[in-house]
Amino acid sequence: MLIQLHKLLDVARCYDLLRQVHWPDGAVCPTCASAETVKNGKDKVQIHCQHYKCKARGVYFDDLTASAARRYHF
């Protein structure tokens, strides 16, 4: 995937790109790898960060869970 850095100047675009790279086929639970997830609101501080809930296990996670951005605090 070609990433054009000039397009990352917008926070919303950064989160969109992160979702595309992290979950190209849609959000997947980091605990059980189930694709049965639902959107569960947005973060109160980072308003473009999507929250999710795993239907199979009831686990809550967000766009940054288990991502390089979370590990390295980008």
Protein backbone atom coordinates (compact mmCIF):
# COMPACT_ATOMS: atom_id res chain seq x y z
CA MET A 1 0.00 0.00 0.00
CA LEU A 2 1.35 3.41 -0.99
CA ILE A 3 1.06 5.93 1.85
CA GLN A 4 1.22 9.58 0.84
CA LEU A 5 2.48 11.54 3.84
CA HIS A 6 0.89 14.83 2.79
CA LYS A 7 -2.53 13.19 3.25
CA LEU A 8 -1.76 12.37 6.90
CA LEU A 9 -1.91 16.00 7.98
CA ASP A 10 -5.59 15.57 8.76
CA VAL A 11 -6.33 13.54 11.94
CA ALA A 12 -9.50 12.03 10.48
CA ARG A 13 -7.53 10.80 7.46
CA CYS A 14 -4.88 9.33 9.76
CA TYR A 15 -7.50 7.24 11.53
CA ASP A 16 -9.08 6.20 8.22
CA LEU A 17 -5.69 5.03 6.93
CA LEU A 18 -4.95 3.24 10.20
CA ARG A 19 -8.25 1.33 9.89
CA GLN A 20 -7.50 0.41 6.27
CA VAL A 21 -4.06 -0.92 7.15
CA HIS A 22 -4.98 -2.55 10.46
CA TRP A 23 -8.29 -4.11 9.31
CA PRO A 24 -8.62 -4.12 5.50
CA ASP A 25 -11.76 -6.29 5.73
CA GLY A 26 -13.31 -4.56 8.76
CA ALA A 27 -12.57 -4.44 12.49
CA VAL A 28 -11.48 -7.69 14.13
CA CYS A 29 -11.47 -8.42 17.86
CA PRO A 30 -7.89 -8.38 19.19
CA THR A 31 -8.79 -11.00 21.81
CA CYS A 32 -10.51 -13.72 19.78
CA ALA A 33 -10.01 -12.57 16.13
CA SER A 34 -13.76 -12.55 15.54
CA ALA A 35 -15.00 -10.29 12.75
CA GLU A 36 -18.37 -10.10 14.52
CA THR A 37 -17.88 -6.59 15.88
CA VAL A 38 -20.05 -3.49 16.12
CA LYS A 39 -19.14 0.16 16.31
CA ASN A 40 -19.52 1.46 19.85
CA GLY A 41 -19.16 5.23 19.74
CA LYS A 42 -16.13 7.48 19.43
CA ASP A 43 -13.41 8.49 21.84
CA LYS A 44 -14.19 11.61 23.89
CA VAL A 45 -10.71 13.12 23.43
CA GLN A 46 -9.64 11.75 20.03
CA ILE A 47 -13.01 12.23 18.33
CA HIS A 48 -11.95 10.37 15.18
CA CYS A 49 -10.95 7.22 17.08
CA GLN A 50 -13.71 4.62 16.66
CA HIS A 51 -14.64 2.30 19.54
CA TYR A 52 -15.89 -1.24 18.92
CA LYS A 53 -17.43 -4.14 20.81
CA CYS A 54 -16.87 -7.81 20.00
CA LYS A 55 -20.22 -9.60 19.73
CA ALA A 56 -18.65 -12.97 20.50
CA ARG A 57 -16.83 -12.10 23.74
CA GLY A 58 -18.12 -8.69 24.76
CA VAL A 59 -14.61 -7.19 24.61
CA TYR A 60 -14.31 -3.46 23.97
CA PHE A 61 -11.47 -2.08 21.84
CA ASP A 62 -10.65 0.87 19.59
CA ASP A 63 -8.72 1.78 16.45
CA LEU A 64 -5.42 1.87 18.35
CA THR A 65 -5.76 -1.39 20.28
CA ALA A 66 -2.79 -3.65 19.50
CA SER A 67 -1.53 -1.30 16.79
CA ALA A 68 1.90 0.17 16.19
CA ALA A 69 0.45 3.57 17.03
CA ARG A 70 -0.52 2.34 20.50
CA ARG A 71 2.79 0.55 21.12
CA TYR A 72 4.92 3.47 20.03
CA HIS A 73 2.60 6.34 21.03
CA PHE A 74 2.50 8.04 17.62
